[in-house]
Amino acid sequence: MAQPKILLTRIDDRFIYGQDVELWNEAVGSNLVLIVNDEIAADSRKWAPMRVATPEGVWTRFFSVQRTVDITHHGGVAHGCTRAG
């Protein structure tokens, strides 16, 4: 995976929906979608529907709020990737 850069941040309670992700990815050319939610990060059974909605070739990550703060504070998100497609 290429080094991720934060290109777009969206705060929303709907998580990933295919149409939104396709439009964002076209606009910014992202290679990673990061879902930050304590409940979802702790339950991998909830990941599958969001992975399906992610465009092929785009990585999907599910982090707790604290893990996100810790990792972005240190400048990287290269741990525990899953990739759509």
PDB file of N, CA and C in Angstrom:
ATOM      1  N   MET A   1       0.846  -1.186   0.000  1.00  0.00           N
ATOM      2  CA  MET A   1       0.000   0.000   0.000  1.00  0.00           C
ATOM      3  C   MET A   1       0.879   1.232   0.000  1.00  0.00           C
ATOM      4  N   ALA A   2       0.555   2.186  -0.850  1.00  0.00           N
ATOM      5  CA  ALA A   2       1.256   3.464  -0.856  1.00  0.00           C
ATOM      6  C   ALA A   2       1.000   4.182   0.466  1.00  0.00           C
ATOM      7  N   GLN A   3       1.918   5.038   0.837  1.00  0.00           N
ATOM      8  CA  GLN A   3       1.763   5.787   2.086  1.00  0.00           C
ATOM      9  C   GLN A   3       0.475   6.610   2.050  1.00  0.00           C
ATOM     10  N   PRO A   4      -0.440   6.394   3.004  1.00  0.00           N
ATOM     11  CA  PRO A   4      -1.684   7.153   3.003  1.00  0.00           C
ATOM     12  C   PRO A   4      -1.451   8.621   3.363  1.00  0.00           C
ATOM     13  N   LYS A   5      -2.251   9.477   2.762  1.00  0.00           N
ATOM     14  CA  LYS A   5      -2.290  10.894   3.117  1.00  0.00           C
ATOM     15  C   LYS A   5      -3.748  11.225   3.400  1.00  0.00           C
ATOM     16  N   ILE A   6      -3.980  12.064   4.377  1.00  0.00           N
ATOM     17  CA  ILE A   6      -5.356  12.481   4.654  1.00  0.00           C
ATOM     18  C   ILE A   6      -5.727  13.511   3.602  1.00  0.00           C
ATOM     19  N   LEU A   7      -6.652  13.121   2.714  1.00  0.00           N
ATOM     20  CA  LEU A   7      -7.090  13.975   1.619  1.00  0.00           C
ATOM     21  C   LEU A   7      -8.450  14.594   1.883  1.00  0.00           C
ATOM     22  N   LEU A   8      -9.251  13.900   2.675  1.00  0.00           N
ATOM     23  CA  LEU A   8     -10.612  14.341   2.932  1.00  0.00           C
ATOM     24  C   LEU A   8     -11.041  13.737   4.256  1.00  0.00           C
ATOM     25  N   THR A   9     -11.693  14.525   5.063  1.00  0.00           N
ATOM     26  CA  THR A   9     -12.243  14.037   6.327  1.00  0.00           C
ATOM     27  C   THR A   9     -13.730  14.349   6.335  1.00  0.00           C
ATOM     28  N   ARG A  10     -14.507  13.339   6.692  1.00  0.00           N
ATOM     29  CA  ARG A  10     -15.957  13.528   6.782  1.00  0.00           C
ATOM     30  C   ARG A  10     -16.416  12.940   8.100  1.00  0.00           C
ATOM     31  N   ILE A  11     -17.145  13.714   8.863  1.00  0.00           N
ATOM     32  CA  ILE A  11     -17.720  13.241  10.121  1.00  0.00           C
ATOM     33  C   ILE A  11     -19.197  13.004   9.855  1.00  0.00           C
ATOM     34  N   ASP A  12     -19.590  11.745  10.023  1.00  0.00           N
ATOM     35  CA  ASP A  12     -20.934  11.349   9.618  1.00  0.00           C
ATOM     36  C   ASP A  12     -21.290  10.075  10.380  1.00  0.00           C
ATOM     37  N   ASP A  13     -22.531   9.912  10.747  1.00  0.00           N
ATOM     38  CA  ASP A  13     -22.929   8.702  11.459  1.00  0.00           C
ATOM     39  C   ASP A  13     -23.403   7.591  10.533  1.00  0.00           C
ATOM     40  N   ARG A  14     -23.308   7.785   9.219  1.00  0.00           N
ATOM     41  CA  ARG A  14     -23.787   6.778   8.276  1.00  0.00           C
ATOM     42  C   ARG A  14     -22.694   5.814   7.813  1.00  0.00           C
ATOM     43  N   PHE A  15     -21.446   6.097   8.121  1.00  0.00           N
ATOM     44  CA  PHE A  15     -20.321   5.253   7.732  1.00  0.00           C
ATOM     45  C   PHE A  15     -20.197   5.175   6.217  1.00  0.00           C
ATOM     46  N   ILE A  16     -19.941   4.019   5.666  1.00  0.00           N
ATOM     47  CA  ILE A  16     -19.668   3.917   4.236  1.00  0.00           C
ATOM     48  C   ILE A  16     -20.936   3.556   3.466  1.00  0.00           C
ATOM     49  N   TYR A  17     -21.200   4.321   2.434  1.00  0.00           N
ATOM     50  CA  TYR A  17     -22.225   3.990   1.463  1.00  0.00           C
ATOM     51  C   TYR A  17     -21.583   4.083   0.092  1.00  0.00           C
ATOM     52  N   GLY A  18     -21.801   3.094  -0.746  1.00  0.00           N
ATOM     53  CA  GLY A  18     -21.105   2.970  -2.011  1.00  0.00           C
ATOM     54  C   GLY A  18     -21.077   4.213  -2.870  1.00  0.00           C
ATOM     55  N   GLN A  19     -22.221   4.864  -3.046  1.00  0.00           N
ATOM     56  CA  GLN A  19     -22.272   6.041  -3.917  1.00  0.00           C
ATOM     57  C   GLN A  19     -21.377   7.148  -3.381  1.00  0.00           C
ATOM     58  N   ASP A  20     -21.433   7.418  -2.086  1.00  0.00           N
ATOM     59  CA  ASP A  20     -20.595   8.456  -1.486  1.00  0.00           C
ATOM     60  C   ASP A  20     -19.119   8.150  -1.671  1.00  0.00           C
ATOM     61  N   VAL A  21     -18.716   6.921  -1.379  1.00  0.00           N
ATOM     62  CA  VAL A  21     -17.312   6.557  -1.480  1.00  0.00           C
ATOM     63  C   VAL A  21     -16.831   6.635  -2.919  1.00  0.00           C
ATOM     64  N   GLU A  22     -17.638   6.199  -3.867  1.00  0.00           N
ATOM     65  CA  GLU A  22     -17.254   6.290  -5.276  1.00  0.00           C
ATOM     66  C   GLU A  22     -17.027   7.749  -5.676  1.00  0.00           C
ATOM     67  N   LEU A  23     -17.919   8.629  -5.277  1.00  0.00           N
ATOM     68  CA  LEU A  23     -17.784  10.045  -5.619  1.00  0.00           C
ATOM     69  C   LEU A  23     -16.554  10.660  -4.970  1.00  0.00           C
ATOM     70  N   TRP A  24     -16.333  10.360  -3.685  1.00  0.00           N
ATOM     71  CA  TRP A  24     -15.149  10.904  -3.000  1.00  0.00           C
ATOM     72  C   TRP A  24     -13.886  10.391  -3.643  1.00  0.00           C
ATOM     73  N   ASN A  25     -13.862   9.104  -3.937  1.00  0.00           N
ATOM     74  CA  ASN A  25     -12.649   8.511  -4.495  1.00  0.00           C
ATOM     75  C   ASN A  25     -12.334   9.111  -5.866  1.00  0.00           C
ATOM     76  N   GLU A  26     -13.341   9.326  -6.679  1.00  0.00           N
ATOM     77  CA  GLU A  26     -13.129   9.977  -7.973  1.00  0.00           C
ATOM     78  C   GLU A  26     -12.558  11.379  -7.796  1.00  0.00           C
ATOM     79  N   ALA A  27     -13.078  12.097  -6.818  1.00  0.00           N
ATOM     80  CA  ALA A  27     -12.669  13.488  -6.620  1.00  0.00           C
ATOM     81  C   ALA A  27     -11.249  13.626  -6.068  1.00  0.00           C
ATOM     82  N   VAL A  28     -10.858  12.741  -5.150  1.00  0.00           N
ATOM     83  CA  VAL A  28      -9.562  12.922  -4.482  1.00  0.00           C
ATOM     84  C   VAL A  28      -8.565  11.800  -4.740  1.00  0.00           C
ATOM     85  N   GLY A  29      -8.994  10.701  -5.328  1.00  0.00           N
ATOM     86  CA  GLY A  29      -8.079   9.600  -5.617  1.00  0.00           C
ATOM     87  C   GLY A  29      -7.532   8.927  -4.370  1.00  0.00           C
ATOM     88  N   SER A  30      -8.374   8.689  -3.394  1.00  0.00           N
ATOM     89  CA  SER A  30      -7.926   8.101  -2.130  1.00  0.00           C
ATOM     90  C   SER A  30      -7.566   6.629  -2.287  1.00  0.00           C
ATOM     91  N   ASN A  31      -6.724   6.136  -1.371  1.00  0.00           N
ATOM     92  CA  ASN A  31      -6.365   4.725  -1.359  1.00  0.00           C
ATOM     93  C   ASN A  31      -6.761   4.063  -0.046  1.00  0.00           C
ATOM     94  N   LEU A  32      -7.443   4.811   0.841  1.00  0.00           N
ATOM     95  CA  LEU A  32      -7.807   4.294   2.150  1.00  0.00           C
ATOM     96  C   LEU A  32      -9.075   4.973   2.645  1.00  0.00           C
ATOM     97  N   VAL A  33      -9.988   4.162   3.180  1.00  0.00           N
ATOM     98  CA  VAL A  33     -11.148   4.681   3.893  1.00  0.00           C
ATOM     99  C   VAL A  33     -10.990   4.219   5.331  1.00  0.00           C
ATOM    100  N   LEU A  34     -10.997   5.156   6.251  1.00  0.00           N
ATOM    101  CA  LEU A  34     -10.818   4.859   7.663  1.00  0.00           C
ATOM    102  C   LEU A  34     -12.119   5.156   8.394  1.00  0.00           C
ATOM    103  N   ILE A  35     -12.682   4.113   9.007  1.00  0.00           N
ATOM    104  CA  ILE A  35     -13.895   4.264   9.814  1.00  0.00           C
ATOM    105  C   ILE A  35     -13.453   4.354  11.267  1.00  0.00           C
ATOM    106  N   VAL A  36     -13.828   5.430  11.934  1.00  0.00           N
ATOM    107  CA  VAL A  36     -13.448   5.641  13.333  1.00  0.00           C
ATOM    108  C   VAL A  36     -14.708   5.547  14.179  1.00  0.00           C
ATOM    109  N   ASN A  37     -14.818   4.430  14.905  1.00  0.00           N
ATOM    110  CA  ASN A  37     -15.993   4.188  15.729  1.00  0.00           C
ATOM    111  C   ASN A  37     -15.642   3.073  16.701  1.00  0.00           C
ATOM    112  N   ASP A  38     -15.758   3.330  17.980  1.00  0.00           N
ATOM    113  CA  ASP A  38     -15.371   2.341  18.992  1.00  0.00           C
ATOM    114  C   ASP A  38     -16.157   1.037  18.868  1.00  0.00           C
ATOM    115  N   GLU A  39     -17.462   1.132  18.691  1.00  0.00           N
ATOM    116  CA  GLU A  39     -18.308  -0.064  18.626  1.00  0.00           C
ATOM    117  C   GLU A  39     -17.987  -0.915  17.393  1.00  0.00           C
ATOM    118  N   ILE A  40     -17.872  -0.284  16.252  1.00  0.00           N
ATOM    119  CA  ILE A  40     -17.600  -1.018  15.011  1.00  0.00           C
ATOM    120  C   ILE A  40     -16.188  -1.591  15.009  1.00  0.00           C
ATOM    121  N   ALA A  41     -15.220  -0.821  15.499  1.00  0.00           N
ATOM    122  CA  ALA A  41     -13.836  -1.307  15.543  1.00  0.00           C
ATOM    123  C   ALA A  41     -13.717  -2.566  16.395  1.00  0.00           C
ATOM    124  N   ALA A  42     -14.550  -2.691  17.411  1.00  0.00           N
ATOM    125  CA  ALA A  42     -14.493  -3.825  18.325  1.00  0.00           C
ATOM    126  C   ALA A  42     -15.249  -5.054  17.831  1.00  0.00           C
ATOM    127  N   ASP A  43     -16.010  -4.936  16.750  1.00  0.00           N
ATOM    128  CA  ASP A  43     -16.847  -6.043  16.280  1.00  0.00           C
ATOM    129  C   ASP A  43     -16.647  -6.248  14.774  1.00  0.00           C
ATOM    130  N   SER A  44     -15.737  -7.138  14.418  1.00  0.00           N
ATOM    131  CA  SER A  44     -15.385  -7.348  13.005  1.00  0.00           C
ATOM    132  C   SER A  44     -16.563  -7.854  12.165  1.00  0.00           C
ATOM    133  N   ARG A  45     -17.618  -8.360  12.786  1.00  0.00           N
ATOM    134  CA  ARG A  45     -18.795  -8.793  12.025  1.00  0.00           C
ATOM    135  C   ARG A  45     -19.484  -7.615  11.346  1.00  0.00           C
ATOM    136  N   LYS A  46     -19.278  -6.413  11.848  1.00  0.00           N
ATOM    137  CA  LYS A  46     -19.906  -5.216  11.277  1.00  0.00           C
ATOM    138  C   LYS A  46     -19.091  -4.620  10.123  1.00  0.00           C
ATOM    139  N   TRP A  47     -17.916  -5.157   9.855  1.00  0.00           N
ATOM    140  CA  TRP A  47     -17.051  -4.594   8.828  1.00  0.00           C
ATOM    141  C   TRP A  47     -17.478  -4.971   7.412  1.00  0.00           C
ATOM    142  N   ALA A  48     -17.986  -6.184   7.222  1.00  0.00           N
ATOM    143  CA  ALA A  48     -18.244  -6.711   5.877  1.00  0.00           C
ATOM    144  C   ALA A  48     -19.114  -5.794   5.008  1.00  0.00           C
ATOM    145  N   PRO A  49     -20.239  -5.277   5.502  1.00  0.00           N
ATOM    146  CA  PRO A  49     -21.061  -4.422   4.635  1.00  0.00           C
ATOM    147  C   PRO A  49     -20.318  -3.170   4.175  1.00  0.00           C
ATOM    148  N   MET A  50     -19.447  -2.655   5.013  1.00  0.00           N
ATOM    149  CA  MET A  50     -18.705  -1.449   4.650  1.00  0.00           C
ATOM    150  C   MET A  50     -17.580  -1.763   3.677  1.00  0.00           C
ATOM    151  N   ARG A  51     -16.990  -2.936   3.810  1.00  0.00           N
ATOM    152  CA  ARG A  51     -15.954  -3.335   2.856  1.00  0.00           C
ATOM    153  C   ARG A  51     -16.543  -3.506   1.461  1.00  0.00           C
ATOM    154  N   VAL A  52     -17.741  -4.051   1.374  1.00  0.00           N
ATOM    155  CA  VAL A  52     -18.397  -4.258   0.085  1.00  0.00           C
ATOM    156  C   VAL A  52     -18.663  -2.918  -0.605  1.00  0.00           C
ATOM    157  N   ALA A  53     -18.952  -1.882   0.165  1.00  0.00           N
ATOM    158  CA  ALA A  53     -19.266  -0.567  -0.396  1.00  0.00           C
ATOM    159  C   ALA A  53     -18.025   0.212  -0.823  1.00  0.00           C
ATOM    160  N   THR A  54     -16.843  -0.264  -0.463  1.00  0.00           N
ATOM    161  CA  THR A  54     -15.600   0.436  -0.787  1.00  0.00           C
ATOM    162  C   THR A  54     -15.154   0.071  -2.198  1.00  0.00           C
ATOM    163  N   PRO A  55     -14.728   1.052  -2.990  1.00  0.00           N
ATOM    164  CA  PRO A  55     -14.291   0.760  -4.358  1.00  0.00           C
ATOM    165  C   PRO A  55     -13.124  -0.235  -4.403  1.00  0.00           C
ATOM    166  N   GLU A  56     -13.055  -1.013  -5.456  1.00  0.00           N
ATOM    167  CA  GLU A  56     -11.961  -1.961  -5.636  1.00  0.00           C
ATOM    168  C   GLU A  56     -10.628  -1.219  -5.595  1.00  0.00           C
ATOM    169  N   GLY A  57      -9.679  -1.808  -4.894  1.00  0.00           N
ATOM    170  CA  GLY A  57      -8.349  -1.219  -4.796  1.00  0.00           C
ATOM    171  C   GLY A  57      -8.186  -0.196  -3.690  1.00  0.00           C
ATOM    172  N   VAL A  58      -9.240   0.085  -2.946  1.00  0.00           N
ATOM    173  CA  VAL A  58      -9.174   1.034  -1.837  1.00  0.00           C
ATOM    174  C   VAL A  58      -9.170   0.246  -0.531  1.00  0.00           C
ATOM    175  N   TRP A  59      -8.194   0.525   0.318  1.00  0.00           N
ATOM    176  CA  TRP A  59      -8.078  -0.158   1.605  1.00  0.00           C
ATOM    177  C   TRP A  59      -9.149   0.348   2.557  1.00  0.00           C
ATOM    178  N   THR A  60      -9.588  -0.516   3.475  1.00  0.00           N
ATOM    179  CA  THR A  60     -10.592  -0.161   4.472  1.00  0.00           C
ATOM    180  C   THR A  60     -10.044  -0.488   5.851  1.00  0.00           C
ATOM    181  N   ARG A  61     -10.116   0.458   6.763  1.00  0.00           N
ATOM    182  CA  ARG A  61      -9.617   0.268   8.124  1.00  0.00           C
ATOM    183  C   ARG A  61     -10.714   0.642   9.111  1.00  0.00           C
ATOM    184  N   PHE A  62     -10.727  -0.026  10.256  1.00  0.00           N
ATOM    185  CA  PHE A  62     -11.725   0.211  11.296  1.00  0.00           C
ATOM    186  C   PHE A  62     -10.978   0.412  12.609  1.00  0.00           C
ATOM    187  N   PHE A  63     -10.953   1.631  13.113  1.00  0.00           N
ATOM    188  CA  PHE A  63     -10.193   1.970  14.314  1.00  0.00           C
ATOM    189  C   PHE A  63     -11.098   2.547  15.388  1.00  0.00           C
ATOM    190  N   SER A  64     -10.696   2.340  16.640  1.00  0.00           N
ATOM    191  CA  SER A  64     -11.339   3.043  17.744  1.00  0.00           C
ATOM    192  C   SER A  64     -10.906   4.506  17.704  1.00  0.00           C
ATOM    193  N   VAL A  65     -11.618   5.337  18.423  1.00  0.00           N
ATOM    194  CA  VAL A  65     -11.268   6.749  18.483  1.00  0.00           C
ATOM    195  C   VAL A  65      -9.855   6.907  19.044  1.00  0.00           C
ATOM    196  N   GLN A  66      -9.551   6.201  20.137  1.00  0.00           N
ATOM    197  CA  GLN A  66      -8.238   6.354  20.756  1.00  0.00           C
ATOM    198  C   GLN A  66      -7.118   5.876  19.841  1.00  0.00           C
ATOM    199  N   ARG A  67      -7.319   4.760  19.166  1.00  0.00           N
ATOM    200  CA  ARG A  67      -6.282   4.276  18.254  1.00  0.00           C
ATOM    201  C   ARG A  67      -6.034   5.283  17.130  1.00  0.00           C
ATOM    202  N   THR A  68      -7.097   5.884  16.630  1.00  0.00           N
ATOM    203  CA  THR A  68      -6.956   6.886  15.580  1.00  0.00           C
ATOM    204  C   THR A  68      -6.147   8.084  16.071  1.00  0.00           C
ATOM    205  N   VAL A  69      -6.459   8.545  17.263  1.00  0.00           N
ATOM    206  CA  VAL A  69      -5.705   9.665  17.839  1.00  0.00           C
ATOM    207  C   VAL A  69      -4.234   9.279  17.978  1.00  0.00           C
ATOM    208  N   ASP A  70      -3.974   8.094  18.515  1.00  0.00           N
ATOM    209  CA  ASP A  70      -2.591   7.649  18.720  1.00  0.00           C
ATOM    210  C   ASP A  70      -1.827   7.541  17.410  1.00  0.00           C
ATOM    211  N   ILE A  71      -2.436   6.942  16.402  1.00  0.00           N
ATOM    212  CA  ILE A  71      -1.739   6.702  15.136  1.00  0.00           C
ATOM    213  C   ILE A  71      -1.564   7.993  14.338  1.00  0.00           C
ATOM    214  N   THR A  72      -2.602   8.799  14.236  1.00  0.00           N
ATOM    215  CA  THR A  72      -2.459  10.023  13.457  1.00  0.00           C
ATOM    216  C   THR A  72      -1.525  11.001  14.150  1.00  0.00           C
ATOM    217  N   HIS A  73      -1.458  10.941  15.452  1.00  0.00           N
ATOM    218  CA  HIS A  73      -0.517  11.788  16.193  1.00  0.00           C
ATOM    219  C   HIS A  73       0.926  11.424  15.846  1.00  0.00           C
ATOM    220  N   HIS A  74       1.172  10.136  15.559  1.00  0.00           N
ATOM    221  CA  HIS A  74       2.515   9.671  15.217  1.00  0.00           C
ATOM    222  C   HIS A  74       2.775   9.657  13.717  1.00  0.00           C
ATOM    223  N   GLY A  75       1.783  10.033  12.914  1.00  0.00           N
ATOM    224  CA  GLY A  75       2.007  10.246  11.489  1.00  0.00           C
ATOM    225  C   GLY A  75       1.845   9.056  10.573  1.00  0.00           C
ATOM    226  N   GLY A  76       1.147   7.982  10.975  1.00  0.00           N
ATOM    227  CA  GLY A  76       0.983   6.868  10.053  1.00  0.00           C
ATOM    228  C   GLY A  76      -0.213   6.011  10.368  1.00  0.00           C
ATOM    229  N   VAL A  77      -0.738   5.315   9.337  1.00  0.00           N
ATOM    230  CA  VAL A  77      -1.843   4.373   9.515  1.00  0.00           C
ATOM    231  C   VAL A  77      -1.534   3.091   8.766  1.00  0.00           C
ATOM    232  N   ALA A  78      -0.365   2.531   8.960  1.00  0.00           N
ATOM    233  CA  ALA A  78       0.084   1.377   8.169  1.00  0.00           C
ATOM    234  C   ALA A  78      -0.104   0.039   8.865  1.00  0.00           C
ATOM    235  N   HIS A  79      -0.958  -0.058   9.865  1.00  0.00           N
ATOM    236  CA  HIS A  79      -1.123  -1.314  10.599  1.00  0.00           C
ATOM    237  C   HIS A  79      -2.495  -1.929  10.364  1.00  0.00           C
ATOM    238  N   GLY A  80      -2.543  -3.232  10.116  1.00  0.00           N
ATOM    239  CA  GLY A  80      -3.795  -3.981  10.062  1.00  0.00           C
ATOM    240  C   GLY A  80      -4.707  -3.676   8.894  1.00  0.00           C
ATOM    241  N   CYS A  81      -4.187  -3.562   7.691  1.00  0.00           N
ATOM    242  CA  CYS A  81      -4.991  -3.185   6.529  1.00  0.00           C
ATOM    243  C   CYS A  81      -5.860  -4.336   6.023  1.00  0.00           C
ATOM    244  N   THR A  82      -6.974  -3.980   5.449  1.00  0.00           N
ATOM    245  CA  THR A  82      -7.767  -4.909   4.630  1.00  0.00           C
ATOM    246  C   THR A  82      -8.062  -4.159   3.340  1.00  0.00           C
ATOM    247  N   ARG A  83      -8.159  -4.885   2.260  1.00  0.00           N
ATOM    248  CA  ARG A  83      -8.324  -4.241   0.956  1.00  0.00           C
ATOM    249  C   ARG A  83      -9.544  -4.783   0.233  1.00  0.00           C
ATOM    250  N   ALA A  84     -10.339  -3.895  -0.336  1.00  0.00           N
ATOM    251  CA  ALA A  84     -11.490  -4.315  -1.141  1.00  0.00           C
ATOM    252  C   ALA A  84     -10.987  -4.795  -2.494  1.00  0.00           C
ATOM    253  N   GLY A  85     -11.656  -5.815  -3.053  1.00  0.00           N
ATOM    254  CA  GLY A  85     -11.321  -6.296  -4.383  1.00  0.00           C
ATOM    255  C   GLY A  85     -10.126  -7.113  -4.336  1.00  0.00           C
TER     256      GLY A  85
END
